Amino acid sequence: MRDDDPVTLTACPDGPLIVRGPATFLDEDGEPIDQPRRTVALCRCGASAIKPWCDGTHKLTGFTTDHHDPGDATASRPSTARQ
Protein backbone atom coordinates (compact mmCIF):
# COMPACT_ATOMS: atom_id res chain seq x y z
CA MET A 1 0.00 0.00 0.00
CA ARG A 2 1.29 3.46 -0.91
CA ASP A 3 0.88 6.70 1.04
CA ASP A 4 -1.21 8.13 -1.81
CA ASP A 5 -3.70 5.24 -1.72
CA PRO A 6 -7.19 6.30 -0.61
CA VAL A 7 -8.35 5.91 2.97
CA THR A 8 -11.67 4.10 3.32
CA LEU A 9 -13.94 3.91 6.34
CA THR A 10 -16.49 1.10 6.62
CA ALA A 11 -19.08 0.94 9.39
CA CYS A 12 -19.68 -2.69 10.35
CA PRO A 13 -23.25 -3.38 11.49
CA ASP A 14 -23.25 -3.78 15.28
CA GLY A 15 -19.47 -3.54 15.29
CA PRO A 16 -16.42 -1.36 14.73
CA LEU A 17 -15.41 1.13 12.08
CA ILE A 18 -12.87 -0.44 9.71
CA VAL A 19 -10.26 2.01 8.43
CA ARG A 20 -8.14 0.92 5.47
CA GLY A 21 -5.28 2.91 4.03
CA PRO A 22 -2.64 5.38 5.17
CA ALA A 23 -4.76 7.17 7.80
CA THR A 24 -3.23 9.22 10.60
CA PHE A 25 -4.84 8.98 14.03
CA LEU A 26 -4.35 11.72 16.62
CA ASP A 27 -4.96 11.65 20.37
CA GLU A 28 -6.77 14.39 22.32
CA ASP A 29 -3.55 16.43 22.41
CA GLY A 30 -3.02 16.19 18.65
CA GLU A 31 -0.21 13.68 18.99
CA PRO A 32 -0.07 10.77 16.53
CA ILE A 33 -1.27 7.41 17.83
CA ASP A 34 0.85 4.44 16.81
CA GLN A 35 -1.33 2.11 14.82
CA PRO A 36 -0.66 -1.62 14.71
CA ARG A 37 -1.31 -2.07 10.96
CA ARG A 38 -2.61 -0.36 7.81
CA THR A 39 -6.12 -1.75 8.34
CA VAL A 40 -7.53 -1.12 11.80
CA ALA A 41 -10.85 -1.53 13.60
CA LEU A 42 -11.97 1.43 15.73
CA CYS A 43 -14.19 0.80 18.74
CA ARG A 44 -17.73 2.21 18.59
CA CYS A 45 -19.19 0.53 21.68
CA GLY A 46 -16.92 2.27 24.17
CA ALA A 47 -16.08 -0.93 26.06
CA SER A 48 -12.82 -1.96 24.37
CA ALA A 49 -9.84 -2.43 26.68
CA ILE A 50 -7.50 -1.26 23.91
CA LYS A 51 -9.26 1.94 22.78
CA PRO A 52 -9.32 3.40 20.23
CA TRP A 53 -8.91 -0.07 18.69
CA CYS A 54 -11.68 -2.66 18.78
CA ASP A 55 -11.06 -5.80 20.85
CA GLY A 56 -14.37 -7.52 20.08
CA THR A 57 -16.04 -6.56 23.37
CA HIS A 58 -19.06 -5.23 21.43
CA LYS A 59 -20.13 -8.85 20.97
CA LEU A 60 -20.21 -9.42 24.74
CA THR A 61 -21.97 -6.16 25.57
CA GLY A 62 -24.71 -6.58 22.98
CA PHE A 63 -23.79 -3.29 21.25
CA THR A 64 -26.05 -2.49 18.34
CA THR A 65 -26.02 0.27 15.78
CA ASP A 66 -29.16 2.16 14.85
CA HIS A 67 -30.92 0.53 11.93
CA HIS A 68 -33.27 3.43 11.26
CA ASP A 69 -34.03 5.59 8.26
CA PRO A 70 -31.41 8.39 8.24
CA GLY A 71 -34.14 10.79 7.13
CA ASP A 72 -36.19 10.10 10.27
CA ALA A 73 -35.05 12.74 12.78
CA THR A 74 -37.11 11.24 15.60
CA ALA A 75 -35.30 7.89 15.45
CA SER A 76 -32.07 9.31 16.86
CA ARG A 77 -33.67 11.05 19.85
CA PRO A 78 -34.13 9.21 23.14
CA SER A 79 -37.66 8.54 24.23
CA THR A 80 -39.14 10.97 26.76
CA ALA A 81 -42.08 8.74 27.70
CA ARG A 82 -42.43 7.96 31.39
CA GLN A 83 -43.66 4.67 32.73
PDB file of N, CA and C in Angstrom:
ATOM      1  N   MET A   1       0.839  -1.172   0.000  1.00  0.00           N
ATOM      2  CA  MET A   1       0.000   0.000   0.000  1.00  0.00           C
ATOM      3  C   MET A   1       0.891   1.243   0.000  1.00  0.00           C
ATOM      4  N   ARG A   2       0.514   2.227  -0.801  1.00  0.00           N
ATOM      5  CA  ARG A   2       1.285   3.462  -0.905  1.00  0.00           C
ATOM      6  C   ARG A   2       0.627   4.557  -0.082  1.00  0.00           C
ATOM      7  N   ASP A   3       1.416   5.583   0.253  1.00  0.00           N
ATOM      8  CA  ASP A   3       0.884   6.698   1.037  1.00  0.00           C
ATOM      9  C   ASP A   3      -0.161   7.507   0.285  1.00  0.00           C
ATOM     10  N   ASP A   4      -0.208   7.389  -1.058  1.00  0.00           N
ATOM     11  CA  ASP A   4      -1.211   8.135  -1.814  1.00  0.00           C
ATOM     12  C   ASP A   4      -2.444   7.279  -2.126  1.00  0.00           C
ATOM     13  N   ASP A   5      -2.505   6.057  -1.585  1.00  0.00           N
ATOM     14  CA  ASP A   5      -3.704   5.238  -1.721  1.00  0.00           C
ATOM     15  C   ASP A   5      -4.834   5.898  -0.934  1.00  0.00           C
ATOM     16  N   PRO A   6      -6.078   5.686  -1.344  1.00  0.00           N
ATOM     17  CA  PRO A   6      -7.189   6.300  -0.612  1.00  0.00           C
ATOM     18  C   PRO A   6      -7.404   5.653   0.754  1.00  0.00           C
ATOM     19  N   VAL A   7      -7.952   6.423   1.659  1.00  0.00           N
ATOM     20  CA  VAL A   7      -8.354   5.910   2.967  1.00  0.00           C
ATOM     21  C   VAL A   7      -9.845   5.617   2.871  1.00  0.00           C
ATOM     22  N   THR A   8     -10.248   4.432   3.312  1.00  0.00           N
ATOM     23  CA  THR A   8     -11.669   4.099   3.322  1.00  0.00           C
ATOM     24  C   THR A   8     -12.108   3.794   4.744  1.00  0.00           C
ATOM     25  N   LEU A   9     -13.345   4.129   5.028  1.00  0.00           N
ATOM     26  CA  LEU A   9     -13.941   3.907   6.339  1.00  0.00           C
ATOM     27  C   LEU A   9     -15.226   3.125   6.119  1.00  0.00           C
ATOM     28  N   THR A  10     -15.318   1.954   6.758  1.00  0.00           N
ATOM     29  CA  THR A  10     -16.489   1.096   6.615  1.00  0.00           C
ATOM     30  C   THR A  10     -17.097   0.850   7.987  1.00  0.00           C
ATOM     31  N   ALA A  11     -18.373   1.183   8.135  1.00  0.00           N
ATOM     32  CA  ALA A  11     -19.081   0.937   9.388  1.00  0.00           C
ATOM     33  C   ALA A  11     -19.646  -0.477   9.357  1.00  0.00           C
ATOM     34  N   CYS A  12     -19.175  -1.316  10.261  1.00  0.00           N
ATOM     35  CA  CYS A  12     -19.679  -2.686  10.355  1.00  0.00           C
ATOM     36  C   CYS A  12     -20.960  -2.682  11.191  1.00  0.00           C
ATOM     37  N   PRO A  13     -22.017  -3.326  10.704  1.00  0.00           N
ATOM     38  CA  PRO A  13     -23.250  -3.385  11.487  1.00  0.00           C
ATOM     39  C   PRO A  13     -22.984  -3.993  12.863  1.00  0.00           C
ATOM     40  N   ASP A  14     -23.411  -3.313  13.905  1.00  0.00           N
ATOM     41  CA  ASP A  14     -23.251  -3.781  15.285  1.00  0.00           C
ATOM     42  C   ASP A  14     -21.800  -4.032  15.668  1.00  0.00           C
ATOM     43  N   GLY A  15     -20.881  -3.330  15.019  1.00  0.00           N
ATOM     44  CA  GLY A  15     -19.466  -3.536  15.294  1.00  0.00           C
ATOM     45  C   GLY A  15     -18.641  -2.294  15.071  1.00  0.00           C
ATOM     46  N   PRO A  16     -17.355  -2.478  14.814  1.00  0.00           N
ATOM     47  CA  PRO A  16     -16.416  -1.361  14.731  1.00  0.00           C
ATOM     48  C   PRO A  16     -16.477  -0.617  13.399  1.00  0.00           C
ATOM     49  N   LEU A  17     -15.689   0.443  13.336  1.00  0.00           N
ATOM     50  CA  LEU A  17     -15.415   1.127  12.076  1.00  0.00           C
ATOM     51  C   LEU A  17     -14.099   0.560  11.561  1.00  0.00           C
ATOM     52  N   ILE A  18     -14.088   0.102  10.321  1.00  0.00           N
ATOM     53  CA  ILE A  18     -12.873  -0.443   9.714  1.00  0.00           C
ATOM     54  C   ILE A  18     -12.247   0.667   8.867  1.00  0.00           C
ATOM     55  N   VAL A  19     -10.983   0.982   9.171  1.00  0.00           N
ATOM     56  CA  VAL A  19     -10.258   2.010   8.432  1.00  0.00           C
ATOM     57  C   VAL A  19      -9.143   1.321   7.660  1.00  0.00           C
ATOM     58  N   ARG A  20      -9.173   1.507   6.331  1.00  0.00           N
ATOM     59  CA  ARG A  20      -8.138   0.920   5.475  1.00  0.00           C
ATOM     60  C   ARG A  20      -7.389   2.050   4.785  1.00  0.00           C
ATOM     61  N   GLY A  21      -6.080   1.928   4.729  1.00  0.00           N
ATOM     62  CA  GLY A  21      -5.276   2.912   4.025  1.00  0.00           C
ATOM     63  C   GLY A  21      -4.382   3.686   4.970  1.00  0.00           C
ATOM     64  N   PRO A  22      -3.651   4.644   4.405  1.00  0.00           N
ATOM     65  CA  PRO A  22      -2.645   5.379   5.170  1.00  0.00           C
ATOM     66  C   PRO A  22      -3.245   6.504   6.019  1.00  0.00           C
ATOM     67  N   ALA A  23      -4.127   6.179   6.927  1.00  0.00           N
ATOM     68  CA  ALA A  23      -4.757   7.171   7.795  1.00  0.00           C
ATOM     69  C   ALA A  23      -3.820   7.541   8.933  1.00  0.00           C
ATOM     70  N   THR A  24      -3.967   8.762   9.428  1.00  0.00           N
ATOM     71  CA  THR A  24      -3.229   9.216  10.597  1.00  0.00           C
ATOM     72  C   THR A  24      -4.236   9.420  11.717  1.00  0.00           C
ATOM     73  N   PHE A  25      -3.970   8.849  12.872  1.00  0.00           N
ATOM     74  CA  PHE A  25      -4.843   8.981  14.033  1.00  0.00           C
ATOM     75  C   PHE A  25      -4.145   9.859  15.061  1.00  0.00           C
ATOM     76  N   LEU A  26      -4.899  10.802  15.631  1.00  0.00           N
ATOM     77  CA  LEU A  26      -4.348  11.718  16.620  1.00  0.00           C
ATOM     78  C   LEU A  26      -5.071  11.556  17.942  1.00  0.00           C
ATOM     79  N   ASP A  27      -4.328  11.721  19.048  1.00  0.00           N
ATOM     80  CA  ASP A  27      -4.961  11.653  20.367  1.00  0.00           C
ATOM     81  C   ASP A  27      -5.561  13.020  20.713  1.00  0.00           C
ATOM     82  N   GLU A  28      -6.104  13.147  21.916  1.00  0.00           N
ATOM     83  CA  GLU A  28      -6.772  14.388  22.318  1.00  0.00           C
ATOM     84  C   GLU A  28      -5.835  15.594  22.365  1.00  0.00           C
ATOM     85  N   ASP A  29      -4.535  15.352  22.408  1.00  0.00           N
ATOM     86  CA  ASP A  29      -3.547  16.433  22.407  1.00  0.00           C
ATOM     87  C   ASP A  29      -2.982  16.705  21.014  1.00  0.00           C
ATOM     88  N   GLY A  30      -3.502  16.010  20.007  1.00  0.00           N
ATOM     89  CA  GLY A  30      -3.020  16.195  18.650  1.00  0.00           C
ATOM     90  C   GLY A  30      -1.774  15.405  18.315  1.00  0.00           C
ATOM     91  N   GLU A  31      -1.387  14.514  19.224  1.00  0.00           N
ATOM     92  CA  GLU A  31      -0.208  13.677  18.994  1.00  0.00           C
ATOM     93  C   GLU A  31      -0.595  12.419  18.231  1.00  0.00           C
ATOM     94  N   PRO A  32       0.244  11.988  17.286  1.00  0.00           N
ATOM     95  CA  PRO A  32      -0.069  10.771  16.529  1.00  0.00           C
ATOM     96  C   PRO A  32      -0.167   9.544  17.442  1.00  0.00           C
ATOM     97  N   ILE A  33      -1.104   8.681  17.125  1.00  0.00           N
ATOM     98  CA  ILE A  33      -1.269   7.409  17.828  1.00  0.00           C
ATOM     99  C   ILE A  33      -0.633   6.334  16.964  1.00  0.00           C
ATOM    100  N   ASP A  34       0.264   5.550  17.558  1.00  0.00           N
ATOM    101  CA  ASP A  34       0.848   4.438  16.813  1.00  0.00           C
ATOM    102  C   ASP A  34      -0.261   3.453  16.479  1.00  0.00           C
ATOM    103  N   GLN A  35      -0.330   3.077  15.222  1.00  0.00           N
ATOM    104  CA  GLN A  35      -1.332   2.106  14.825  1.00  0.00           C
ATOM    105  C   GLN A  35      -0.658   0.786  14.484  1.00  0.00           C
ATOM    106  N   PRO A  36      -1.299  -0.307  14.855  1.00  0.00           N
ATOM    107  CA  PRO A  36      -0.664  -1.617  14.707  1.00  0.00           C
ATOM    108  C   PRO A  36      -0.523  -2.097  13.261  1.00  0.00           C
ATOM    109  N   ARG A  37      -1.359  -1.608  12.353  1.00  0.00           N
ATOM    110  CA  ARG A  37      -1.314  -2.069  10.959  1.00  0.00           C
ATOM    111  C   ARG A  37      -2.023  -1.065  10.065  1.00  0.00           C
ATOM    112  N   ARG A  38      -1.986  -1.286   8.765  1.00  0.00           N
ATOM    113  CA  ARG A  38      -2.606  -0.358   7.808  1.00  0.00           C
ATOM    114  C   ARG A  38      -4.128  -0.464   7.791  1.00  0.00           C
ATOM    115  N   THR A  39      -4.674  -1.591   8.199  1.00  0.00           N
ATOM    116  CA  THR A  39      -6.117  -1.745   8.340  1.00  0.00           C
ATOM    117  C   THR A  39      -6.390  -1.936   9.818  1.00  0.00           C
ATOM    118  N   VAL A  40      -7.232  -1.053  10.375  1.00  0.00           N
ATOM    119  CA  VAL A  40      -7.525  -1.115  11.805  1.00  0.00           C
ATOM    120  C   VAL A  40      -9.030  -1.069  12.032  1.00  0.00           C
ATOM    121  N   ALA A  41      -9.446  -1.571  13.186  1.00  0.00           N
ATOM    122  CA  ALA A  41     -10.847  -1.525  13.598  1.00  0.00           C
ATOM    123  C   ALA A  41     -10.947  -0.580  14.789  1.00  0.00           C
ATOM    124  N   LEU A  42     -11.773   0.454  14.654  1.00  0.00           N
ATOM    125  CA  LEU A  42     -11.967   1.427  15.726  1.00  0.00           C
ATOM    126  C   LEU A  42     -13.213   1.077  16.528  1.00  0.00           C
ATOM    127  N   CYS A  43     -13.086   1.117  17.837  1.00  0.00           N
ATOM    128  CA  CYS A  43     -14.187   0.798  18.739  1.00  0.00           C
ATOM    129  C   CYS A  43     -15.311   1.815  18.604  1.00  0.00           C
ATOM    130  N   ARG A  44     -16.554   1.332  18.551  1.00  0.00           N
ATOM    131  CA  ARG A  44     -17.727   2.209  18.586  1.00  0.00           C
ATOM    132  C   ARG A  44     -18.564   1.971  19.824  1.00  0.00           C
ATOM    133  N   CYS A  45     -18.342   0.854  20.525  1.00  0.00           N
ATOM    134  CA  CYS A  45     -19.194   0.533  21.676  1.00  0.00           C
ATOM    135  C   CYS A  45     -18.720   1.214  22.951  1.00  0.00           C
ATOM    136  N   GLY A  46     -17.458   1.612  22.993  1.00  0.00           N
ATOM    137  CA  GLY A  46     -16.915   2.275  24.166  1.00  0.00           C
ATOM    138  C   GLY A  46     -16.387   1.335  25.238  1.00  0.00           C
ATOM    139  N   ALA A  47     -16.474   0.032  25.024  1.00  0.00           N
ATOM    140  CA  ALA A  47     -16.085  -0.929  26.055  1.00  0.00           C
ATOM    141  C   ALA A  47     -14.742  -1.611  25.799  1.00  0.00           C
ATOM    142  N   SER A  48     -14.084  -1.313  24.691  1.00  0.00           N
ATOM    143  CA  SER A  48     -12.818  -1.959  24.370  1.00  0.00           C
ATOM    144  C   SER A  48     -11.760  -1.640  25.413  1.00  0.00           C
ATOM    145  N   ALA A  49     -10.943  -2.626  25.740  1.00  0.00           N
ATOM    146  CA  ALA A  49      -9.840  -2.431  26.678  1.00  0.00           C
ATOM    147  C   ALA A  49      -8.611  -1.847  25.984  1.00  0.00           C
ATOM    148  N   ILE A  50      -8.647  -1.767  24.657  1.00  0.00           N
ATOM    149  CA  ILE A  50      -7.496  -1.256  23.913  1.00  0.00           C
ATOM    150  C   ILE A  50      -7.888  -0.061  23.037  1.00  0.00           C
ATOM    151  N   LYS A  51      -8.802   0.774  23.543  1.00  0.00           N
ATOM    152  CA  LYS A  51      -9.261   1.936  22.782  1.00  0.00           C
ATOM    153  C   LYS A  51      -8.079   2.753  22.271  1.00  0.00           C
ATOM    154  N   PRO A  52      -8.139   3.287  21.085  1.00  0.00           N
ATOM    155  CA  PRO A  52      -9.316   3.396  20.235  1.00  0.00           C
ATOM    156  C   PRO A  52      -9.580   2.166  19.383  1.00  0.00           C
ATOM    157  N   TRP A  53      -8.760   1.135  19.514  1.00  0.00           N
ATOM    158  CA  TRP A  53      -8.912  -0.066  18.688  1.00  0.00           C
ATOM    159  C   TRP A  53     -10.002  -0.971  19.251  1.00  0.00           C
ATOM    160  N   CYS A  54     -10.645  -1.702  18.389  1.00  0.00           N
ATOM    161  CA  CYS A  54     -11.683  -2.658  18.782  1.00  0.00           C
ATOM    162  C   CYS A  54     -11.027  -3.944  19.266  1.00  0.00           C
ATOM    163  N   ASP A  55     -11.547  -4.507  20.363  1.00  0.00           N
ATOM    164  CA  ASP A  55     -11.062  -5.797  20.850  1.00  0.00           C
ATOM    165  C   ASP A  55     -12.151  -6.863  20.828  1.00  0.00           C
ATOM    166  N   GLY A  56     -13.277  -6.552  20.197  1.00  0.00           N
ATOM    167  CA  GLY A  56     -14.367  -7.522  20.078  1.00  0.00           C
ATOM    168  C   GLY A  56     -15.359  -7.496  21.226  1.00  0.00           C
ATOM    169  N   THR A  57     -15.160  -6.613  22.199  1.00  0.00           N
ATOM    170  CA  THR A  57     -16.044  -6.558  23.369  1.00  0.00           C
ATOM    171  C   THR A  57     -17.485  -6.234  22.987  1.00  0.00           C
ATOM    172  N   HIS A  58     -17.697  -5.564  21.853  1.00  0.00           N
ATOM    173  CA  HIS A  58     -19.061  -5.231  21.432  1.00  0.00           C
ATOM    174  C   HIS A  58     -19.945  -6.469  21.333  1.00  0.00           C
ATOM    175  N   LYS A  59     -19.350  -7.604  21.048  1.00  0.00           N
ATOM    176  CA  LYS A  59     -20.130  -8.853  20.967  1.00  0.00           C
ATOM    177  C   LYS A  59     -20.632  -9.276  22.341  1.00  0.00           C
ATOM    178  N   LEU A  60     -19.824  -9.036  23.371  1.00  0.00           N
ATOM    179  CA  LEU A  60     -20.209  -9.417  24.736  1.00  0.00           C
ATOM    180  C   LEU A  60     -21.204  -8.450  25.356  1.00  0.00           C
ATOM    181  N   THR A  61     -21.105  -7.170  24.969  1.00  0.00           N
ATOM    182  CA  THR A  61     -21.971  -6.158  25.566  1.00  0.00           C
ATOM    183  C   THR A  61     -23.323  -6.053  24.877  1.00  0.00           C
ATOM    184  N   GLY A  62     -23.458  -6.670  23.715  1.00  0.00           N
ATOM    185  CA  GLY A  62     -24.713  -6.580  22.979  1.00  0.00           C
ATOM    186  C   GLY A  62     -24.871  -5.260  22.238  1.00  0.00           C
ATOM    187  N   PHE A  63     -23.752  -4.571  21.967  1.00  0.00           N
ATOM    188  CA  PHE A  63     -23.794  -3.295  21.251  1.00  0.00           C
ATOM    189  C   PHE A  63     -24.504  -3.448  19.920  1.00  0.00           C
ATOM    190  N   THR A  64     -25.387  -2.517  19.638  1.00  0.00           N
ATOM    191  CA  THR A  64     -26.049  -2.492  18.338  1.00  0.00           C
ATOM    192  C   THR A  64     -25.984  -1.085  17.774  1.00  0.00           C
ATOM    193  N   THR A  65     -25.962  -1.017  16.464  1.00  0.00           N
ATOM    194  CA  THR A  65     -26.017   0.266  15.778  1.00  0.00           C
ATOM    195  C   THR A  65     -27.463   0.535  15.415  1.00  0.00           C
ATOM    196  N   ASP A  66     -27.793   1.803  15.235  1.00  0.00           N
ATOM    197  CA  ASP A  66     -29.157   2.158  14.845  1.00  0.00           C
ATOM    198  C   ASP A  66     -29.414   1.661  13.432  1.00  0.00           C
ATOM    199  N   HIS A  67     -30.528   1.009  13.262  1.00  0.00           N
ATOM    200  CA  HIS A  67     -30.924   0.530  11.934  1.00  0.00           C
ATOM    201  C   HIS A  67     -32.174   1.284  11.511  1.00  0.00           C
ATOM    202  N   HIS A  68     -32.114   2.616  11.605  1.00  0.00           N
ATOM    203  CA  HIS A  68     -33.271   3.427  11.264  1.00  0.00           C
ATOM    204  C   HIS A  68     -33.028   4.186   9.968  1.00  0.00           C
ATOM    205  N   ASP A  69     -34.083   4.764   9.460  1.00  0.00           N
ATOM    206  CA  ASP A  69     -34.033   5.585   8.259  1.00  0.00           C
ATOM    207  C   ASP A  69     -33.294   6.873   8.595  1.00  0.00           C
ATOM    208  N   PRO A  70     -32.161   7.185   7.918  1.00  0.00           N
ATOM    209  CA  PRO A  70     -31.410   8.389   8.243  1.00  0.00           C
ATOM    210  C   PRO A  70     -32.225   9.668   8.073  1.00  0.00           C
ATOM    211  N   GLY A  71     -33.295   9.618   7.311  1.00  0.00           N
ATOM    212  CA  GLY A  71     -34.137  10.787   7.127  1.00  0.00           C
ATOM    213  C   GLY A  71     -35.137  10.982   8.247  1.00  0.00           C
ATOM    214  N   ASP A  72     -35.237  10.029   9.171  1.00  0.00           N
ATOM    215  CA  ASP A  72     -36.194  10.100  10.275  1.00  0.00           C
ATOM    216  C   ASP A  72     -35.511  10.721  11.484  1.00  0.00           C
ATOM    217  N   ALA A  73     -35.724  12.021  11.697  1.00  0.00           N
ATOM    218  CA  ALA A  73     -35.048  12.743  12.781  1.00  0.00           C
ATOM    219  C   ALA A  73     -35.477  12.257  14.152  1.00  0.00           C
ATOM    220  N   THR A  74     -36.652  11.683  14.288  1.00  0.00           N
ATOM    221  CA  THR A  74     -37.110  11.237  15.597  1.00  0.00           C
ATOM    222  C   THR A  74     -36.441   9.942  16.034  1.00  0.00           C
ATOM    223  N   ALA A  75     -35.893   9.179  15.106  1.00  0.00           N
ATOM    224  CA  ALA A  75     -35.302   7.887  15.448  1.00  0.00           C
ATOM    225  C   ALA A  75     -34.024   8.030  16.255  1.00  0.00           C
ATOM    226  N   SER A  76     -33.336   9.159  16.136  1.00  0.00           N
ATOM    227  CA  SER A  76     -32.068   9.306  16.858  1.00  0.00           C
ATOM    228  C   SER A  76     -32.227   9.961  18.219  1.00  0.00           C
ATOM    229  N   ARG A  77     -33.445  10.409  18.562  1.00  0.00           N
ATOM    230  CA  ARG A  77     -33.670  11.052  19.846  1.00  0.00           C
ATOM    231  C   ARG A  77     -34.141  10.023  20.871  1.00  0.00           C
ATOM    232  N   PRO A  78     -33.665  10.141  22.102  1.00  0.00           N
ATOM    233  CA  PRO A  78     -34.131   9.209  23.136  1.00  0.00           C
ATOM    234  C   PRO A  78     -35.598   9.462  23.453  1.00  0.00           C
ATOM    235  N   SER A  79     -36.253   8.436  23.876  1.00  0.00           N
ATOM    236  CA  SER A  79     -37.658   8.540  24.234  1.00  0.00           C
ATOM    237  C   SER A  79     -37.816   9.358  25.519  1.00  0.00           C
ATOM    238  N   THR A  80     -38.854  10.173  25.564  1.00  0.00           N
ATOM    239  CA  THR A  80     -39.137  10.968  26.763  1.00  0.00           C
ATOM    240  C   THR A  80     -40.356  10.450  27.503  1.00  0.00           C
ATOM    241  N   ALA A  81     -40.886   9.311  27.048  1.00  0.00           N
ATOM    242  CA  ALA A  81     -42.080   8.742  27.697  1.00  0.00           C
ATOM    243  C   ALA A  81     -41.719   8.218  29.082  1.00  0.00           C
ATOM    244  N   ARG A  82     -42.633   8.441  30.012  1.00  0.00           N
ATOM    245  CA  ARG A  82     -42.428   7.960  31.387  1.00  0.00           C
ATOM    246  C   ARG A  82     -43.341   6.754  31.622  1.00  0.00           C
ATOM    247  N   GLN A  83     -42.852   5.847  32.441  1.00  0.00           N
ATOM    248  CA  GLN A  83     -43.657   4.671  32.733  1.00  0.00           C
ATOM    249  C   GLN A  83     -44.169   4.732  34.153  1.00  0.00           C
TER     250      GLN A  83
END
